[in-house]
PDB file of N, CA and C in Angstrom:
ATOM      1  N   MET A   1     421.765  56.984 -56.980  1.00  0.00           N
ATOM      2  CA  MET A   1     420.807  56.173 -57.612  1.00  0.00           C
ATOM      3  C   MET A   1     420.011  55.250 -56.561  1.00  0.00           C
ATOM      4  N   LYS A   2     420.861  55.010 -55.635  1.00  0.00           N
ATOM      5  CA  LYS A   2     420.373  54.031 -54.501  1.00  0.00           C
ATOM      6  C   LYS A   2     419.290  55.065 -53.364  1.00  0.00           C
ATOM      7  N   ASN A   3     419.842  56.182 -53.487  1.00  0.00           N
ATOM      8  CA  ASN A   3     419.035  57.072 -52.520  1.00  0.00           C
ATOM      9  C   ASN A   3     417.284  57.381 -53.115  1.00  0.00           C
ATOM     10  N   ASN A   4     417.606  57.213 -54.478  1.00  0.00           N
ATOM     11  CA  ASN A   4     416.192  57.756 -55.221  1.00  0.00           C
ATOM     12  C   ASN A   4     415.411  56.517 -55.233  1.00  0.00           C
ATOM     13  N   GLN A   5     415.924  55.515 -55.022  1.00  0.00           N
ATOM     14  CA  GLN A   5     415.061  54.228 -55.011  1.00  0.00           C
ATOM     15  C   GLN A   5     414.481  54.132 -53.569  1.00  0.00           C
ATOM     16  N   ILE A   6     415.136  54.371 -52.629  1.00  0.00           N
ATOM     17  CA  ILE A   6     414.575  54.487 -51.304  1.00  0.00           C
ATOM     18  C   ILE A   6     413.532  55.474 -50.990  1.00  0.00           C
ATOM     19  N   ALA A   7     413.905  56.801 -51.636  1.00  0.00           N
ATOM     20  CA  ALA A   7     412.696  57.564 -51.924  1.00  0.00           C
ATOM     21  C   ALA A   7     411.491  57.350 -52.531  1.00  0.00           C
ATOM     22  N   LEU A   8     411.802  56.842 -53.567  1.00  0.00           N
ATOM     23  CA  LEU A   8     410.393  56.228 -54.338  1.00  0.00           C
ATOM     24  C   LEU A   8     409.751  55.177 -53.588  1.00  0.00           C
ATOM     25  N   VAL A   9     410.548  54.270 -52.860  1.00  0.00           N
ATOM     26  CA  VAL A   9     409.658  53.176 -51.979  1.00  0.00           C
ATOM     27  C   VAL A   9     408.808  53.743 -51.054  1.00  0.00           C
ATOM     28  N   LEU A  10     409.786  54.927 -50.245  1.00  0.00           N
ATOM     29  CA  LEU A  10     409.079  55.753 -49.304  1.00  0.00           C
ATOM     30  C   LEU A  10     407.778  56.320 -49.539  1.00  0.00           C
ATOM     31  N   VAL A  11     407.764  56.928 -50.688  1.00  0.00           N
ATOM     32  CA  VAL A  11     406.809  57.860 -51.460  1.00  0.00           C
ATOM     33  C   VAL A  11     405.607  57.018 -51.716  1.00  0.00           C
ATOM     34  N   GLY A  12     405.740  55.629 -52.395  1.00  0.00           N
ATOM     35  CA  GLY A  12     404.933  54.672 -52.771  1.00  0.00           C
ATOM     36  C   GLY A  12     404.259  54.149 -51.463  1.00  0.00           C
ATOM     37  N   MET A  13     404.917  53.911 -50.434  1.00  0.00           N
ATOM     38  CA  MET A  13     404.398  53.301 -49.284  1.00  0.00           C
ATOM     39  C   MET A  13     403.436  54.381 -48.461  1.00  0.00           C
ATOM     40  N   MET A  14     403.996  55.679 -48.658  1.00  0.00           N
ATOM     41  CA  MET A  14     403.274  56.800 -48.105  1.00  0.00           C
ATOM     42  C   MET A  14     401.845  57.057 -48.787  1.00  0.00           C
ATOM     43  N   PHE A  15     401.842  56.787 -50.029  1.00  0.00           N
ATOM     44  CA  PHE A  15     400.773  56.946 -50.944  1.00  0.00           C
ATOM     45  C   PHE A  15     399.746  55.855 -50.620  1.00  0.00           C
ATOM     46  N   PHE A  16     400.039  54.541 -50.612  1.00  0.00           N
ATOM     47  CA  PHE A  16     399.138  53.370 -50.234  1.00  0.00           C
ATOM     48  C   PHE A  16     398.675  53.507 -48.880  1.00  0.00           C
ATOM     49  N   MET A  17     399.582  53.839 -48.148  1.00  0.00           N
ATOM     50  CA  MET A  17     399.139  54.214 -46.738  1.00  0.00           C
ATOM     51  C   MET A  17     397.947  55.362 -46.680  1.00  0.00           C
ATOM     52  N   SER A  18     398.033  56.319 -47.481  1.00  0.00           N
ATOM     53  CA  SER A  18     397.148  57.435 -47.591  1.00  0.00           C
ATOM     54  C   SER A  18     395.890  56.902 -48.107  1.00  0.00           C
ATOM     55  N   ALA A  19     396.264  56.049 -49.235  1.00  0.00           N
ATOM     56  CA  ALA A  19     394.748  55.551 -50.006  1.00  0.00           C
ATOM     57  C   ALA A  19     394.098  54.663 -48.933  1.00  0.00           C
ATOM     58  N   GLY A  20     394.879  53.821 -48.282  1.00  0.00           N
ATOM     59  CA  GLY A  20     394.248  53.012 -47.158  1.00  0.00           C
ATOM     60  C   GLY A  20     393.326  53.660 -45.953  1.00  0.00           C
ATOM     61  N   THR A  21     393.915  54.741 -45.784  1.00  0.00           N
ATOM     62  CA  THR A  21     393.370  55.680 -44.578  1.00  0.00           C
ATOM     63  C   THR A  21     391.927  56.354 -45.164  1.00  0.00           C
ATOM     64  N   VAL A  22     392.321  56.847 -46.319  1.00  0.00           N
ATOM     65  CA  VAL A  22     390.889  57.261 -46.833  1.00  0.00           C
ATOM     66  C   VAL A  22     390.024  56.278 -47.162  1.00  0.00           C
ATOM     67  N   TRP A  23     390.227  55.092 -47.645  1.00  0.00           N
ATOM     68  CA  TRP A  23     389.426  54.026 -47.747  1.00  0.00           C
ATOM     69  C   TRP A  23     388.730  53.647 -46.349  1.00  0.00           C
ATOM     70  N   LEU A  24     389.641  53.667 -45.188  1.00  0.00           N
ATOM     71  CA  LEU A  24     389.001  53.333 -43.971  1.00  0.00           C
ATOM     72  C   LEU A  24     388.077  54.368 -43.170  1.00  0.00           C
ATOM     73  N   LEU A  25     388.228  55.515 -43.737  1.00  0.00           N
ATOM     74  CA  LEU A  25     387.494  56.778 -43.125  1.00  0.00           C
ATOM     75  C   LEU A  25     386.319  56.477 -44.048  1.00  0.00           C
ATOM     76  N   TRP A  26     386.153  56.294 -45.339  1.00  0.00           N
ATOM     77  CA  TRP A  26     385.035  56.373 -45.832  1.00  0.00           C
ATOM     78  C   TRP A  26     384.164  55.188 -45.499  1.00  0.00           C
ATOM     79  N   ARG A  27     384.900  53.921 -45.187  1.00  0.00           N
ATOM     80  CA  ARG A  27     383.966  52.945 -44.606  1.00  0.00           C
ATOM     81  C   ARG A  27     383.303  53.200 -43.313  1.00  0.00           C
ATOM     82  N   TYR A  28     384.253  53.724 -42.566  1.00  0.00           N
ATOM     83  CA  TYR A  28     383.802  54.312 -41.020  1.00  0.00           C
ATOM     84  C   TYR A  28     382.551  55.223 -41.106  1.00  0.00           C
ATOM     85  N   ASN A  29     382.646  56.264 -41.993  1.00  0.00           N
ATOM     86  CA  ASN A  29     381.551  57.169 -42.195  1.00  0.00           C
ATOM     87  C   ASN A  29     380.265  56.603 -42.768  1.00  0.00           C
ATOM     88  N   SER A  30     380.326  55.550 -43.679  1.00  0.00           N
ATOM     89  CA  SER A  30     379.395  54.921 -44.300  1.00  0.00           C
ATOM     90  C   SER A  30     378.396  54.095 -43.284  1.00  0.00           C
ATOM     91  N   THR A  31     379.354  53.347 -42.592  1.00  0.00           N
ATOM     92  CA  THR A  31     378.659  52.515 -41.536  1.00  0.00           C
ATOM     93  C   THR A  31     378.225  53.276 -40.371  1.00  0.00           C
ATOM     94  N   ALA A  32     378.765  54.349 -39.868  1.00  0.00           N
ATOM     95  CA  ALA A  32     377.968  55.264 -38.797  1.00  0.00           C
ATOM     96  C   ALA A  32     376.851  55.730 -39.408  1.00  0.00           C
ATOM     97  N   LYS A  33     376.760  56.298 -40.704  1.00  0.00           N
ATOM     98  CA  LYS A  33     375.478  56.666 -41.409  1.00  0.00           C
ATOM     99  C   LYS A  33     374.209  55.786 -41.424  1.00  0.00           C
ATOM    100  N   GLU A  34     374.740  54.410 -41.790  1.00  0.00           N
ATOM    101  CA  GLU A  34     373.924  53.265 -41.766  1.00  0.00           C
ATOM    102  C   GLU A  34     373.394  53.092 -40.277  1.00  0.00           C
ATOM    103  N   GLY A  35     374.152  53.119 -39.460  1.00  0.00           N
ATOM    104  CA  GLY A  35     373.875  52.785 -38.107  1.00  0.00           C
ATOM    105  C   GLY A  35     372.905  53.811 -37.667  1.00  0.00           C
ATOM    106  N   GLN A  36     373.114  55.215 -37.888  1.00  0.00           N
ATOM    107  CA  GLN A  36     372.151  56.165 -37.404  1.00  0.00           C
ATOM    108  C   GLN A  36     370.778  55.932 -38.098  1.00  0.00           C
ATOM    109  N   GLU A  37     370.714  55.577 -39.478  1.00  0.00           N
ATOM    110  CA  GLU A  37     369.437  55.244 -40.160  1.00  0.00           C
ATOM    111  C   GLU A  37     368.487  54.194 -39.387  1.00  0.00           C
ATOM    112  N   ILE A  38     369.301  53.052 -39.262  1.00  0.00           N
ATOM    113  CA  ILE A  38     368.863  51.912 -38.516  1.00  0.00           C
ATOM    114  C   ILE A  38     368.349  52.353 -36.966  1.00  0.00           C
ATOM    115  N   SER A  39     369.090  53.234 -36.450  1.00  0.00           N
ATOM    116  CA  SER A  39     368.385  53.725 -35.036  1.00  0.00           C
ATOM    117  C   SER A  39     367.128  54.417 -35.309  1.00  0.00           C
ATOM    118  N   MET A  40     367.067  55.258 -36.484  1.00  0.00           N
ATOM    119  CA  MET A  40     365.982  55.872 -36.451  1.00  0.00           C
ATOM    120  C   MET A  40     364.818  55.164 -36.775  1.00  0.00           C
ATOM    121  N   LYS A  41     364.845  53.993 -37.638  1.00  0.00           N
ATOM    122  CA  LYS A  41     363.890  53.122 -37.858  1.00  0.00           C
ATOM    123  C   LYS A  41     363.479  52.317 -36.760  1.00  0.00           C
ATOM    124  N   ILE A  42     364.347  51.811 -35.881  1.00  0.00           N
ATOM    125  CA  ILE A  42     364.078  51.360 -34.544  1.00  0.00           C
ATOM    126  C   ILE A  42     363.211  52.037 -33.656  1.00  0.00           C
ATOM    127  N   GLU A  43     363.453  53.590 -33.555  1.00  0.00           N
ATOM    128  CA  GLU A  43     362.647  54.161 -32.604  1.00  0.00           C
ATOM    129  C   GLU A  43     361.246  54.419 -33.348  1.00  0.00           C
ATOM    130  N   LEU A  44     361.223  54.560 -34.911  1.00  0.00           N
ATOM    131  CA  LEU A  44     359.823  54.679 -35.227  1.00  0.00           C
ATOM    132  C   LEU A  44     359.196  53.504 -35.047  1.00  0.00           C
ATOM    133  N   ALA A  45     359.657  52.067 -35.231  1.00  0.00           N
ATOM    134  CA  ALA A  45     358.974  51.036 -34.952  1.00  0.00           C
ATOM    135  C   ALA A  45     358.444  50.922 -33.389  1.00  0.00           C
ATOM    136  N   LYS A  46     359.418  51.322 -32.637  1.00  0.00           N
ATOM    137  CA  LYS A  46     358.868  51.410 -31.164  1.00  0.00           C
ATOM    138  C   LYS A  46     357.894  52.289 -30.913  1.00  0.00           C
ATOM    139  N   ASN A  47     357.759  53.671 -31.365  1.00  0.00           N
ATOM    140  CA  ASN A  47     356.785  54.420 -31.236  1.00  0.00           C
ATOM    141  C   ASN A  47     355.467  53.765 -31.794  1.00  0.00           C
ATOM    142  N   THR A  48     355.724  53.483 -32.976  1.00  0.00           N
ATOM    143  CA  THR A  48     354.388  53.001 -33.744  1.00  0.00           C
ATOM    144  C   THR A  48     353.636  51.816 -32.850  1.00  0.00           C
ATOM    145  N   GLN A  49     354.401  50.752 -32.322  1.00  0.00           N
ATOM    146  CA  GLN A  49     353.990  49.859 -31.520  1.00  0.00           C
ATOM    147  C   GLN A  49     353.366  50.322 -30.177  1.00  0.00           C
ATOM    148  N   ILE A  50     354.147  51.302 -29.508  1.00  0.00           N
ATOM    149  CA  ILE A  50     353.312  52.128 -28.441  1.00  0.00           C
ATOM    150  C   ILE A  50     352.007  52.573 -28.872  1.00  0.00           C
ATOM    151  N   PHE A  51     351.915  53.356 -30.060  1.00  0.00           N
ATOM    152  CA  PHE A  51     350.695  53.880 -30.492  1.00  0.00           C
ATOM    153  C   PHE A  51     349.845  52.704 -30.762  1.00  0.00           C
ATOM    154  N   MET A  52     350.209  51.636 -31.322  1.00  0.00           N
ATOM    155  CA  MET A  52     349.023  50.682 -31.685  1.00  0.00           C
ATOM    156  C   MET A  52     348.545  49.851 -30.399  1.00  0.00           C
ATOM    157  N   GLN A  53     349.449  49.769 -29.409  1.00  0.00           N
ATOM    158  CA  GLN A  53     348.946  49.163 -28.260  1.00  0.00           C
ATOM    159  C   GLN A  53     348.035  50.076 -27.578  1.00  0.00           C
ATOM    160  N   GLN A  54     348.140  51.276 -27.370  1.00  0.00           N
ATOM    161  CA  GLN A  54     347.313  52.173 -26.878  1.00  0.00           C
ATOM    162  C   GLN A  54     345.925  52.428 -27.732  1.00  0.00           C
ATOM    163  N   LEU A  55     345.999  52.194 -28.978  1.00  0.00           N
ATOM    164  CA  LEU A  55     344.840  52.281 -29.776  1.00  0.00           C
ATOM    165  C   LEU A  55     343.968  51.083 -29.458  1.00  0.00           C
ATOM    166  N   VAL A  56     344.774  49.981 -29.241  1.00  0.00           N
ATOM    167  CA  VAL A  56     343.805  48.528 -29.115  1.00  0.00           C
ATOM    168  C   VAL A  56     343.150  48.873 -27.646  1.00  0.00           C
ATOM    169  N   THR A  57     343.925  49.279 -26.735  1.00  0.00           N
ATOM    170  CA  THR A  57     343.631  49.100 -25.442  1.00  0.00           C
ATOM    171  C   THR A  57     342.224  50.230 -25.437  1.00  0.00           C
ATOM    172  N   GLN A  58     342.286  51.374 -26.078  1.00  0.00           N
ATOM    173  CA  GLN A  58     340.995  52.323 -25.942  1.00  0.00           C
ATOM    174  C   GLN A  58     340.102  51.785 -27.067  1.00  0.00           C
ATOM    175  N   VAL A  59     340.190  50.816 -27.861  1.00  0.00           N
ATOM    176  CA  VAL A  59     339.039  50.335 -28.840  1.00  0.00           C
ATOM    177  C   VAL A  59     338.391  49.467 -27.764  1.00  0.00           C
ATOM    178  N   VAL A  60     339.247  48.391 -27.437  1.00  0.00           N
ATOM    179  CA  VAL A  60     338.601  47.394 -26.244  1.00  0.00           C
ATOM    180  C   VAL A  60     337.774  48.097 -25.093  1.00  0.00           C
ATOM    181  N   GLU A  61     338.490  49.203 -24.630  1.00  0.00           N
ATOM    182  CA  GLU A  61     337.419  49.977 -23.591  1.00  0.00           C
ATOM    183  C   GLU A  61     336.340  50.524 -24.316  1.00  0.00           C
ATOM    184  N   PHE A  62     336.151  50.982 -25.422  1.00  0.00           N
ATOM    185  CA  PHE A  62     335.188  51.564 -26.159  1.00  0.00           C
ATOM    186  C   PHE A  62     333.898  50.342 -26.617  1.00  0.00           C
ATOM    187  N   SER A  63     334.664  49.288 -26.830  1.00  0.00           N
ATOM    188  CA  SER A  63     333.729  48.004 -27.089  1.00  0.00           C
ATOM    189  C   SER A  63     332.923  47.736 -25.915  1.00  0.00           C
ATOM    190  N   LYS A  64     333.351  47.875 -24.634  1.00  0.00           N
ATOM    191  CA  LYS A  64     332.634  47.624 -23.533  1.00  0.00           C
ATOM    192  C   LYS A  64     331.319  48.496 -23.465  1.00  0.00           C
ATOM    193  N   THR A  65     331.427  49.704 -24.015  1.00  0.00           N
ATOM    194  CA  THR A  65     330.107  50.383 -23.997  1.00  0.00           C
ATOM    195  C   THR A  65     329.447  50.353 -25.153  1.00  0.00           C
ATOM    196  N   HIS A  66     330.037  50.041 -26.381  1.00  0.00           N
ATOM    197  CA  HIS A  66     329.518  49.914 -27.629  1.00  0.00           C
ATOM    198  C   HIS A  66     329.700  48.649 -28.194  1.00  0.00           C
ATOM    199  N   PRO A  67     328.991  47.609 -27.926  1.00  0.00           N
ATOM    200  CA  PRO A  67     329.084  46.229 -28.263  1.00  0.00           C
ATOM    201  C   PRO A  67     328.986  45.893 -29.651  1.00  0.00           C
ATOM    202  N   ASP A  68     328.729  46.858 -30.682  1.00  0.00           N
ATOM    203  CA  ASP A  68     328.574  46.783 -32.240  1.00  0.00           C
ATOM    204  C   ASP A  68     329.797  46.432 -32.556  1.00  0.00           C
ATOM    205  N   ILE A  69     330.845  47.083 -32.020  1.00  0.00           N
ATOM    206  CA  ILE A  69     332.188  46.889 -32.574  1.00  0.00           C
ATOM    207  C   ILE A  69     332.705  45.701 -32.389  1.00  0.00           C
ATOM    208  N   THR A  70     332.279  44.713 -31.632  1.00  0.00           N
ATOM    209  CA  THR A  70     332.862  43.643 -31.060  1.00  0.00           C
ATOM    210  C   THR A  70     332.950  42.761 -32.520  1.00  0.00           C
ATOM    211  N   PRO A  71     332.049  42.412 -33.182  1.00  0.00           N
ATOM    212  CA  PRO A  71     332.560  41.444 -34.495  1.00  0.00           C
ATOM    213  C   PRO A  71     333.646  41.827 -35.182  1.00  0.00           C
ATOM    214  N   ILE A  72     333.667  43.360 -35.250  1.00  0.00           N
ATOM    215  CA  ILE A  72     334.968  43.802 -36.056  1.00  0.00           C
ATOM    216  C   ILE A  72     336.222  43.643 -35.303  1.00  0.00           C
ATOM    217  N   LEU A  73     336.289  43.658 -34.058  1.00  0.00           N
ATOM    218  CA  LEU A  73     337.512  43.433 -33.061  1.00  0.00           C
ATOM    219  C   LEU A  73     337.830  42.096 -33.173  1.00  0.00           C
ATOM    220  N   GLN A  74     336.740  41.123 -33.198  1.00  0.00           N
ATOM    221  CA  GLN A  74     337.159  39.476 -33.270  1.00  0.00           C
ATOM    222  C   GLN A  74     337.316  39.317 -34.613  1.00  0.00           C
ATOM    223  N   SER A  75     337.561  39.988 -35.706  1.00  0.00           N
ATOM    224  CA  SER A  75     337.958  39.806 -36.935  1.00  0.00           C
ATOM    225  C   SER A  75     339.735  39.784 -37.094  1.00  0.00           C
ATOM    226  N   PHE A  76     340.193  40.460 -35.952  1.00  0.00           N
ATOM    227  CA  PHE A  76     341.643  40.563 -35.827  1.00  0.00           C
ATOM    228  C   PHE A  76     342.237  39.680 -34.830  1.00  0.00           C
ATOM    229  N   THR A  77     343.331  39.062 -35.361  1.00  0.00           N
ATOM    230  CA  THR A  77     343.904  37.886 -34.468  1.00  0.00           C
ATOM    231  C   THR A  77     344.638  38.446 -33.385  1.00  0.00           C
ATOM    232  N   ASN A  78     345.068  39.451 -33.334  1.00  0.00           N
ATOM    233  CA  ASN A  78     345.773  39.946 -32.049  1.00  0.00           C
ATOM    234  C   ASN A  78     344.927  40.233 -30.934  1.00  0.00           C
ATOM    235  N   ILE A  79     343.831  40.652 -31.124  1.00  0.00           N
ATOM    236  CA  ILE A  79     342.526  40.916 -30.111  1.00  0.00           C
ATOM    237  C   ILE A  79     341.793  39.800 -29.807  1.00  0.00           C
ATOM    238  N   THR A  80     341.984  39.114 -28.633  1.00  0.00           N
ATOM    239  CA  THR A  80     341.609  37.838 -28.343  1.00  0.00           C
ATOM    240  C   THR A  80     340.104  38.092 -28.037  1.00  0.00           C
ATOM    241  N   THR A  81     339.218  37.206 -27.691  1.00  0.00           N
ATOM    242  CA  THR A  81     337.782  37.154 -27.152  1.00  0.00           C
ATOM    243  C   THR A  81     338.073  37.271 -25.656  1.00  0.00           C
ATOM    244  N   ALA A  82     339.041  36.913 -25.033  1.00  0.00           N
ATOM    245  CA  ALA A  82     339.347  37.139 -23.526  1.00  0.00           C
ATOM    246  C   ALA A  82     339.268  38.817 -23.418  1.00  0.00           C
ATOM    247  N   THR A  83     339.748  39.565 -24.005  1.00  0.00           N
ATOM    248  CA  THR A  83     339.771  40.949 -23.885  1.00  0.00           C
ATOM    249  C   THR A  83     338.733  41.529 -24.440  1.00  0.00           C
ATOM    250  N   VAL A  84     338.031  41.091 -25.227  1.00  0.00           N
ATOM    251  CA  VAL A  84     336.641  41.816 -25.757  1.00  0.00           C
ATOM    252  C   VAL A  84     335.606  40.904 -25.545  1.00  0.00           C
ATOM    253  N   PRO A  85     334.410  41.654 -24.715  1.00  0.00           N
ATOM    254  CA  PRO A  85     333.314  40.817 -24.538  1.00  0.00           C
ATOM    255  C   PRO A  85     332.677  40.250 -25.828  1.00  0.00           C
ATOM    256  N   ALA A  86     332.241  38.936 -25.571  1.00  0.00           N
ATOM    257  CA  ALA A  86     331.446  38.703 -26.852  1.00  0.00           C
ATOM    258  C   ALA A  86     330.014  39.223 -27.317  1.00  0.00           C
ATOM    259  N   LYS A  87     329.281  39.419 -25.997  1.00  0.00           N
ATOM    260  CA  LYS A  87     327.750  39.817 -26.206  1.00  0.00           C
ATOM    261  C   LYS A  87     327.670  40.882 -25.016  1.00  0.00           C
ATOM    262  N   PRO A  88     326.983  41.835 -25.021  1.00  0.00           N
ATOM    263  CA  PRO A  88     326.724  42.537 -23.815  1.00  0.00           C
ATOM    264  C   PRO A  88     325.869  41.853 -22.788  1.00  0.00           C
ATOM    265  N   ALA A  89     326.019  42.211 -21.465  1.00  0.00           N
ATOM    266  CA  ALA A  89     325.490  41.505 -20.320  1.00  0.00           C
ATOM    267  C   ALA A  89     324.041  41.619 -20.723  1.00  0.00           C
ATOM    268  N   ALA A  90     323.106  40.606 -20.242  1.00  0.00           N
ATOM    269  CA  ALA A  90     321.421  40.647 -20.352  1.00  0.00           C
ATOM    270  C   ALA A  90     321.245  41.546 -18.991  1.00  0.00           C
ATOM    271  N   LYS A  91     320.208  42.169 -19.454  1.00  0.00           N
ATOM    272  CA  LYS A  91     319.611  42.903 -18.199  1.00  0.00           C
ATOM    273  C   LYS A  91     318.202  42.457 -17.820  1.00  0.00           C
TER     274      LYS A  91
END
């Protein structure tokens, strides 16, 4: 009878250790997947920021030759009047 109790305890411990291992594996996989999703979102944000900076630079350059767009540019707070000419130079 004593041998059966020891075997039962060992089988029970093995079951709980296996269940714990499966739970830890599930947590690791879900965390790794979440990390990959966050990394992709960060890269998308970086690419969007670079694109927007290039767009602003091109629009400011365009406003130098086409001053009609200046009032539209001044309505945005991120584009200061120092980078956008207020009025075209008088000739």
